[in-house]
Amino acid sequence: MFIRRPDPIMVTPEEALPGRSISVLPSADPHLVLGSDILKPVEDGEEEIFLAAGCYWGVEEIMWELPGVVTTSVGFMGGYTPNPTYHEVTTGRTGHTETVRVVYRADGPESPLPLILKTFWESHDPTTLNYQGNDVGTQYRSAIFTTTAEQAELATSSRAAYNEVLLAHERNPIVTEVVDAADTTGYFPAEIEHQQYLIKVPNGYRCHSKSGVACPMPGSGPLADL
């Protein structure tokens, strides 16, 4: 059985860095893969979900490759500091976790949401609190920030189903947070150099500390054939 290492301490609101009133990404070029506006508001027939699964460079790359995804961006969520910089988040003093915003088509005959969530579960290790691989800190904690009742239901039910499978494989319980995005301080995009980082730096860092266990959900995912 995997033994969890000691975990970093979450900063309190009183201890958090003050941040700023202006976004560190006031405007951005089109998505380097999808060609869409990475800051676009959600339009009719679309939905957005926010996923935290460790270092956001690799997570964003995984998400932009999924069918039905309209745009992605990387940023910070779940903490206290408004409009933080990447450097501020790495100190652990913002309360945020590295997060990928995923906008997807929701008006087709088959929603991509099950595939998005299955891929999320299988692309990192949701049993490790505040770290993925060698990346350690509360900024690497696993979380799903939902914006619809369907997302919340499927995120919660898939977490429960996957947790049973992981426990059967003698793994630790899932520690992933499922939080209504409306109950957070918001999503704060990261600086432009972090957006679609692995297109700009093709051999750049990817951390996918997977559990290696398939998630029992409808649709396909990275481990569907195992």
C-alpha atoms as a PDB file:
ATOM      1  CA  MET A   1       0.000   0.000   0.000  1.00  0.00           C
ATOM      2  CA  PHE A   2       1.263   3.466  -0.875  1.00  0.00           C
ATOM      3  CA  ILE A   3       2.160   5.546   2.174  1.00  0.00           C
ATOM      4  CA  ARG A   4       1.425   9.248   1.897  1.00  0.00           C
ATOM      5  CA  ARG A   5       4.224  11.636   2.773  1.00  0.00           C
ATOM      6  CA  PRO A   6       3.715  14.553   5.210  1.00  0.00           C
ATOM      7  CA  ASP A   7       1.711  17.278   3.499  1.00  0.00           C
ATOM      8  CA  PRO A   8       2.262  21.049   3.336  1.00  0.00           C
ATOM      9  CA  ILE A   9       0.041  23.256   5.455  1.00  0.00           C
ATOM     10  CA  MET A  10      -2.700  25.245   3.712  1.00  0.00           C
ATOM     11  CA  VAL A  11      -2.319  29.007   4.127  1.00  0.00           C
ATOM     12  CA  THR A  12      -5.098  30.875   5.948  1.00  0.00           C
ATOM     13  CA  PRO A  13      -6.899  33.904   4.471  1.00  0.00           C
ATOM     14  CA  GLU A  14      -5.069  36.124   6.946  1.00  0.00           C
ATOM     15  CA  GLU A  15      -1.684  34.737   5.882  1.00  0.00           C
ATOM     16  CA  ALA A  16      -2.352  34.892   2.119  1.00  0.00           C
ATOM     17  CA  LEU A  17      -0.492  37.300  -0.153  1.00  0.00           C
ATOM     18  CA  PRO A  18      -2.495  40.437  -1.039  1.00  0.00           C
ATOM     19  CA  GLY A  19      -2.384  40.046  -4.823  1.00  0.00           C
ATOM     20  CA  ARG A  20      -3.651  42.805  -7.084  1.00  0.00           C
ATOM     21  CA  SER A  21      -6.791  44.200  -8.694  1.00  0.00           C
ATOM     22  CA  ILE A  22      -5.610  43.737 -12.303  1.00  0.00           C
ATOM     23  CA  SER A  23      -5.229  40.391 -14.057  1.00  0.00           C
ATOM     24  CA  VAL A  24      -1.716  39.246 -14.953  1.00  0.00           C
ATOM     25  CA  LEU A  25      -3.271  38.230 -18.309  1.00  0.00           C
ATOM     26  CA  PRO A  26      -5.462  41.179 -19.365  1.00  0.00           C
ATOM     27  CA  SER A  27      -5.530  39.934 -22.979  1.00  0.00           C
ATOM     28  CA  ALA A  28      -4.161  36.958 -24.869  1.00  0.00           C
ATOM     29  CA  ASP A  29      -3.434  35.671 -28.348  1.00  0.00           C
ATOM     30  CA  PRO A  30      -5.679  32.930 -29.797  1.00  0.00           C
ATOM     31  CA  HIS A  31      -5.181  29.384 -28.571  1.00  0.00           C
ATOM     32  CA  LEU A  32      -2.087  28.015 -30.301  1.00  0.00           C
ATOM     33  CA  VAL A  33      -3.760  24.671 -31.063  1.00  0.00           C
ATOM     34  CA  LEU A  34      -7.502  25.319 -31.203  1.00  0.00           C
ATOM     35  CA  GLY A  35      -7.391  28.874 -32.578  1.00  0.00           C
ATOM     36  CA  SER A  36     -10.050  30.026 -30.131  1.00  0.00           C
ATOM     37  CA  ASP A  37     -10.003  32.883 -27.634  1.00  0.00           C
ATOM     38  CA  ILE A  38      -8.581  31.419 -24.423  1.00  0.00           C
ATOM     39  CA  LEU A  39     -10.408  34.060 -22.368  1.00  0.00           C
ATOM     40  CA  LYS A  40     -13.721  33.715 -24.224  1.00  0.00           C
ATOM     41  CA  PRO A  41     -16.949  33.825 -22.224  1.00  0.00           C
ATOM     42  CA  VAL A  42     -19.035  30.681 -22.346  1.00  0.00           C
ATOM     43  CA  GLU A  43     -21.520  30.898 -25.221  1.00  0.00           C
ATOM     44  CA  ASP A  44     -24.838  29.170 -25.849  1.00  0.00           C
ATOM     45  CA  GLY A  45     -24.307  25.442 -26.142  1.00  0.00           C
ATOM     46  CA  GLU A  46     -21.043  25.524 -24.185  1.00  0.00           C
ATOM     47  CA  GLU A  47     -20.035  24.825 -20.602  1.00  0.00           C
ATOM     48  CA  GLU A  48     -16.859  25.347 -18.603  1.00  0.00           C
ATOM     49  CA  ILE A  49     -15.231  23.246 -15.908  1.00  0.00           C
ATOM     50  CA  PHE A  50     -12.026  23.858 -13.954  1.00  0.00           C
ATOM     51  CA  LEU A  51      -9.625  20.986 -13.282  1.00  0.00           C
ATOM     52  CA  ALA A  52      -6.589  20.845 -10.996  1.00  0.00           C
ATOM     53  CA  ALA A  53      -4.372  17.780 -11.409  1.00  0.00           C
ATOM     54  CA  GLY A  54      -0.827  18.906 -10.638  1.00  0.00           C
ATOM     55  CA  CYS A  55       1.428  20.958 -12.923  1.00  0.00           C
ATOM     56  CA  TYR A  56      -0.987  22.673 -15.284  1.00  0.00           C
ATOM     57  CA  TRP A  57       1.253  22.623 -18.370  1.00  0.00           C
ATOM     58  CA  GLY A  58       0.737  18.921 -19.001  1.00  0.00           C
ATOM     59  CA  VAL A  59      -2.877  18.893 -17.872  1.00  0.00           C
ATOM     60  CA  GLU A  60      -3.776  21.605 -20.369  1.00  0.00           C
ATOM     61  CA  GLU A  61      -2.102  19.674 -23.189  1.00  0.00           C
ATOM     62  CA  ILE A  62      -4.135  16.570 -22.343  1.00  0.00           C
ATOM     63  CA  MET A  63      -7.385  18.538 -22.272  1.00  0.00           C
ATOM     64  CA  TRP A  64      -6.958  20.467 -25.524  1.00  0.00           C
ATOM     65  CA  GLU A  65      -6.565  17.146 -27.370  1.00  0.00           C
ATOM     66  CA  LEU A  66     -10.005  15.847 -26.320  1.00  0.00           C
ATOM     67  CA  PRO A  67     -12.918  15.962 -28.799  1.00  0.00           C
ATOM     68  CA  GLY A  68     -15.544  18.585 -28.018  1.00  0.00           C
ATOM     69  CA  VAL A  69     -13.136  20.944 -26.242  1.00  0.00           C
ATOM     70  CA  VAL A  70     -13.473  24.510 -27.532  1.00  0.00           C
ATOM     71  CA  THR A  71     -10.684  26.224 -25.624  1.00  0.00           C
ATOM     72  CA  THR A  72      -8.378  25.823 -22.644  1.00  0.00           C
ATOM     73  CA  SER A  73      -6.260  28.066 -20.466  1.00  0.00           C
ATOM     74  CA  VAL A  74      -4.181  27.719 -17.327  1.00  0.00           C
ATOM     75  CA  GLY A  75      -4.537  29.680 -14.128  1.00  0.00           C
ATOM     76  CA  PHE A  76      -5.188  29.503 -10.423  1.00  0.00           C
ATOM     77  CA  MET A  77      -8.249  28.750  -8.303  1.00  0.00           C
ATOM     78  CA  GLY A  78      -9.440  27.670  -4.894  1.00  0.00           C
ATOM     79  CA  GLY A  79      -7.443  30.130  -2.796  1.00  0.00           C
ATOM     80  CA  TYR A  80      -7.520  33.679  -1.530  1.00  0.00           C
ATOM     81  CA  THR A  81      -5.044  35.921  -3.404  1.00  0.00           C
ATOM     82  CA  PRO A  82      -6.665  37.882  -6.260  1.00  0.00           C
ATOM     83  CA  ASN A  83      -4.851  37.833  -9.624  1.00  0.00           C
ATOM     84  CA  PRO A  84      -1.702  36.108  -8.370  1.00  0.00           C
ATOM     85  CA  THR A  85       1.477  35.664 -10.369  1.00  0.00           C
ATOM     86  CA  TYR A  86       2.908  32.216 -11.000  1.00  0.00           C
ATOM     87  CA  HIS A  87       5.787  33.006  -8.651  1.00  0.00           C
ATOM     88  CA  GLU A  88       3.377  33.975  -5.877  1.00  0.00           C
ATOM     89  CA  VAL A  89       1.466  30.717  -6.245  1.00  0.00           C
ATOM     90  CA  THR A  90       4.689  28.681  -6.050  1.00  0.00           C
ATOM     91  CA  THR A  91       5.306  30.096  -2.568  1.00  0.00           C
ATOM     92  CA  GLY A  92       2.209  28.300  -1.280  1.00  0.00           C
ATOM     93  CA  ARG A  93       0.962  31.564   0.192  1.00  0.00           C
ATOM     94  CA  THR A  94      -2.034  32.162  -2.081  1.00  0.00           C
ATOM     95  CA  GLY A  95      -4.143  29.094  -1.265  1.00  0.00           C
ATOM     96  CA  HIS A  96      -4.656  28.474  -4.989  1.00  0.00           C
ATOM     97  CA  THR A  97      -4.052  25.270  -6.907  1.00  0.00           C
ATOM     98  CA  GLU A  98      -2.783  25.197 -10.506  1.00  0.00           C
ATOM     99  CA  THR A  99      -5.938  24.858 -12.573  1.00  0.00           C
ATOM    100  CA  VAL A 100      -6.965  24.329 -16.203  1.00  0.00           C
ATOM    101  CA  ARG A 101     -10.105  25.977 -17.541  1.00  0.00           C
ATOM    102  CA  VAL A 102     -11.835  23.726 -20.078  1.00  0.00           C
ATOM    103  CA  VAL A 103     -14.659  25.055 -22.271  1.00  0.00           C
ATOM    104  CA  TYR A 104     -16.494  22.344 -24.188  1.00  0.00           C
ATOM    105  CA  ARG A 105     -19.505  21.872 -26.442  1.00  0.00           C
ATOM    106  CA  ALA A 106     -22.482  20.672 -24.421  1.00  0.00           C
ATOM    107  CA  ASP A 107     -25.250  20.759 -27.026  1.00  0.00           C
ATOM    108  CA  GLY A 108     -24.314  17.791 -29.190  1.00  0.00           C
ATOM    109  CA  PRO A 109     -25.789  14.288 -29.171  1.00  0.00           C
ATOM    110  CA  GLU A 110     -23.110  13.096 -26.726  1.00  0.00           C
ATOM    111  CA  SER A 111     -21.583  15.327 -24.070  1.00  0.00           C
ATOM    112  CA  PRO A 112     -17.775  15.213 -23.789  1.00  0.00           C
ATOM    113  CA  LEU A 113     -18.068  15.680 -20.004  1.00  0.00           C
ATOM    114  CA  PRO A 114     -17.728  11.961 -19.098  1.00  0.00           C
ATOM    115  CA  LEU A 115     -14.578  11.705 -21.226  1.00  0.00           C
ATOM    116  CA  ILE A 116     -13.167  14.914 -19.722  1.00  0.00           C
ATOM    117  CA  LEU A 117     -13.686  13.640 -16.183  1.00  0.00           C
ATOM    118  CA  LYS A 118     -12.452  10.106 -16.931  1.00  0.00           C
ATOM    119  CA  THR A 119      -9.322  11.583 -18.492  1.00  0.00           C
ATOM    120  CA  PHE A 120      -8.875  13.861 -15.491  1.00  0.00           C
ATOM    121  CA  TRP A 121      -9.022  10.936 -13.053  1.00  0.00           C
ATOM    122  CA  GLU A 122      -6.645   8.769 -15.070  1.00  0.00           C
ATOM    123  CA  SER A 123      -4.087  11.467 -15.902  1.00  0.00           C
ATOM    124  CA  HIS A 124      -2.894  12.101 -12.340  1.00  0.00           C
ATOM    125  CA  ASP A 125      -2.913  10.428  -8.938  1.00  0.00           C
ATOM    126  CA  PRO A 126      -5.967  11.685  -7.018  1.00  0.00           C
ATOM    127  CA  THR A 127      -4.917   9.844  -3.846  1.00  0.00           C
ATOM    128  CA  THR A 128      -1.935  12.092  -3.086  1.00  0.00           C
ATOM    129  CA  LEU A 129      -2.698  15.207  -1.068  1.00  0.00           C
ATOM    130  CA  ASN A 130      -0.843  18.390  -2.076  1.00  0.00           C
ATOM    131  CA  TYR A 131       1.607  16.777  -4.448  1.00  0.00           C
ATOM    132  CA  GLN A 132       1.975  14.994  -7.766  1.00  0.00           C
ATOM    133  CA  GLY A 133       5.222  13.115  -8.245  1.00  0.00           C
ATOM    134  CA  ASN A 134       8.067  15.390  -7.183  1.00  0.00           C
ATOM    135  CA  ASP A 135       5.859  18.512  -7.293  1.00  0.00           C
ATOM    136  CA  VAL A 136       5.057  19.266  -3.660  1.00  0.00           C
ATOM    137  CA  GLY A 137       2.816  22.004  -2.278  1.00  0.00           C
ATOM    138  CA  THR A 138      -0.825  22.938  -1.830  1.00  0.00           C
ATOM    139  CA  GLN A 139      -0.662  24.476  -5.328  1.00  0.00           C
ATOM    140  CA  TYR A 140      -0.570  20.913  -6.709  1.00  0.00           C
ATOM    141  CA  ARG A 141      -3.634  19.552  -4.909  1.00  0.00           C
ATOM    142  CA  SER A 142      -6.285  17.733  -6.895  1.00  0.00           C
ATOM    143  CA  ALA A 143      -9.617  19.515  -7.393  1.00  0.00           C
ATOM    144  CA  ILE A 144     -12.642  19.851  -9.657  1.00  0.00           C
ATOM    145  CA  PHE A 145     -14.440  23.192  -9.705  1.00  0.00           C
ATOM    146  CA  THR A 146     -17.880  22.733 -11.234  1.00  0.00           C
ATOM    147  CA  THR A 147     -20.280  25.198 -12.860  1.00  0.00           C
ATOM    148  CA  THR A 148     -23.388  23.051 -13.427  1.00  0.00           C
ATOM    149  CA  ALA A 149     -25.443  20.569 -11.437  1.00  0.00           C
ATOM    150  CA  GLU A 150     -24.637  17.855 -14.000  1.00  0.00           C
ATOM    151  CA  GLN A 151     -20.903  18.441 -13.558  1.00  0.00           C
ATOM    152  CA  ALA A 152     -21.201  18.309  -9.771  1.00  0.00           C
ATOM    153  CA  GLU A 153     -23.228  15.083  -9.864  1.00  0.00           C
ATOM    154  CA  LEU A 154     -20.914  13.329 -12.314  1.00  0.00           C
ATOM    155  CA  ALA A 155     -17.748  14.549 -10.571  1.00  0.00           C
ATOM    156  CA  THR A 156     -19.042  13.310  -7.212  1.00  0.00           C
ATOM    157  CA  SER A 157     -20.378   9.977  -8.459  1.00  0.00           C
ATOM    158  CA  SER A 158     -17.262   9.242 -10.521  1.00  0.00           C
ATOM    159  CA  ARG A 159     -15.077  10.074  -7.525  1.00  0.00           C
ATOM    160  CA  ALA A 160     -17.007   7.586  -5.418  1.00  0.00           C
ATOM    161  CA  ALA A 161     -16.850   4.873  -8.087  1.00  0.00           C
ATOM    162  CA  TYR A 162     -13.135   5.397  -8.728  1.00  0.00           C
ATOM    163  CA  ASN A 163     -12.423   5.449  -5.011  1.00  0.00           C
ATOM    164  CA  GLU A 164     -13.925   1.968  -4.651  1.00  0.00           C
ATOM    165  CA  VAL A 165     -11.719   0.659  -7.447  1.00  0.00           C
ATOM    166  CA  LEU A 166      -8.582   2.254  -6.013  1.00  0.00           C
ATOM    167  CA  LEU A 167      -9.276   0.858  -2.541  1.00  0.00           C
ATOM    168  CA  ALA A 168      -9.758  -2.576  -4.087  1.00  0.00           C
ATOM    169  CA  HIS A 169      -6.274  -2.152  -5.575  1.00  0.00           C
ATOM    170  CA  GLU A 170      -4.962  -1.332  -2.086  1.00  0.00           C
ATOM    171  CA  ARG A 171      -4.440   2.343  -2.848  1.00  0.00           C
ATOM    172  CA  ASN A 172      -5.133   5.250  -0.531  1.00  0.00           C
ATOM    173  CA  PRO A 173      -8.526   7.021  -0.701  1.00  0.00           C
ATOM    174  CA  ILE A 174      -9.128   9.826  -3.175  1.00  0.00           C
ATOM    175  CA  VAL A 175      -8.477  13.293  -1.742  1.00  0.00           C
ATOM    176  CA  THR A 176      -9.766  15.302  -4.739  1.00  0.00           C
ATOM    177  CA  GLU A 177     -11.936  18.287  -3.803  1.00  0.00           C
ATOM    178  CA  VAL A 178     -15.209  18.788  -5.693  1.00  0.00           C
ATOM    179  CA  VAL A 179     -16.218  22.427  -5.227  1.00  0.00           C
ATOM    180  CA  ASP A 180     -18.808  24.689  -6.814  1.00  0.00           C
ATOM    181  CA  ALA A 181     -16.841  27.325  -8.711  1.00  0.00           C
ATOM    182  CA  ALA A 182     -19.299  29.932  -7.437  1.00  0.00           C
ATOM    183  CA  ASP A 183     -18.086  29.230  -3.904  1.00  0.00           C
ATOM    184  CA  THR A 184     -14.493  30.208  -4.732  1.00  0.00           C
ATOM    185  CA  THR A 185     -12.826  33.590  -5.212  1.00  0.00           C
ATOM    186  CA  GLY A 186     -12.785  32.900  -8.944  1.00  0.00           C
ATOM    187  CA  TYR A 187     -10.451  31.686 -11.663  1.00  0.00           C
ATOM    188  CA  PHE A 188      -7.362  33.799 -12.267  1.00  0.00           C
ATOM    189  CA  PRO A 189      -5.505  33.187 -15.574  1.00  0.00           C
ATOM    190  CA  ALA A 190      -1.728  32.798 -15.435  1.00  0.00           C
ATOM    191  CA  GLU A 191       0.762  34.876 -17.408  1.00  0.00           C
ATOM    192  CA  ILE A 192       0.932  34.512 -21.198  1.00  0.00           C
ATOM    193  CA  GLU A 193       4.136  32.446 -21.149  1.00  0.00           C
ATOM    194  CA  HIS A 194       2.279  29.665 -19.290  1.00  0.00           C
ATOM    195  CA  GLN A 195      -0.588  29.437 -21.782  1.00  0.00           C
ATOM    196  CA  GLN A 196      -0.178  26.420 -24.115  1.00  0.00           C
ATOM    197  CA  TYR A 197       3.325  26.108 -22.669  1.00  0.00           C
ATOM    198  CA  LEU A 198       4.033  22.734 -24.250  1.00  0.00           C
ATOM    199  CA  ILE A 199       3.447  24.083 -27.743  1.00  0.00           C
ATOM    200  CA  LYS A 200       5.972  26.836 -27.048  1.00  0.00           C
ATOM    201  CA  VAL A 201       8.362  24.387 -25.351  1.00  0.00           C
ATOM    202  CA  PRO A 202       7.598  20.955 -26.914  1.00  0.00           C
ATOM    203  CA  ASN A 203      10.119  19.141 -24.729  1.00  0.00           C
ATOM    204  CA  GLY A 204       8.994  20.993 -21.614  1.00  0.00           C
ATOM    205  CA  TYR A 205       8.107  19.508 -18.262  1.00  0.00           C
ATOM    206  CA  ARG A 206       5.194  17.104 -17.970  1.00  0.00           C
ATOM    207  CA  CYS A 207       4.210  15.544 -14.656  1.00  0.00           C
ATOM    208  CA  HIS A 208       1.636  12.777 -14.907  1.00  0.00           C
ATOM    209  CA  SER A 209       1.913  10.826 -11.662  1.00  0.00           C
ATOM    210  CA  LYS A 210      -0.873   8.407 -12.589  1.00  0.00           C
ATOM    211  CA  SER A 211      -2.410   5.810 -10.340  1.00  0.00           C
ATOM    212  CA  GLY A 212      -2.275   3.308 -13.203  1.00  0.00           C
ATOM    213  CA  VAL A 213      -5.819   2.157 -12.428  1.00  0.00           C
ATOM    214  CA  ALA A 214      -8.650   2.684 -14.927  1.00  0.00           C
ATOM    215  CA  CYS A 215     -11.661   4.761 -13.887  1.00  0.00           C
ATOM    216  CA  PRO A 216     -15.035   2.988 -14.337  1.00  0.00           C
ATOM    217  CA  MET A 217     -16.915   5.651 -16.274  1.00  0.00           C
ATOM    218  CA  PRO A 218     -18.834   5.802 -19.537  1.00  0.00           C
ATOM    219  CA  GLY A 219     -16.738   6.758 -22.544  1.00  0.00           C
ATOM    220  CA  SER A 220     -13.084   6.189 -23.219  1.00  0.00           C
ATOM    221  CA  GLY A 221      -9.931   7.515 -21.637  1.00  0.00           C
ATOM    222  CA  PRO A 222      -6.177   7.003 -21.457  1.00  0.00           C
ATOM    223  CA  LEU A 223      -6.556   3.646 -19.719  1.00  0.00           C
ATOM    224  CA  ALA A 224      -9.758   2.460 -21.370  1.00  0.00           C
ATOM    225  CA  ASP A 225      -8.202  -0.631 -22.932  1.00  0.00           C
ATOM    226  CA  LEU A 226      -6.328  -1.823 -19.837  1.00  0.00           C
END
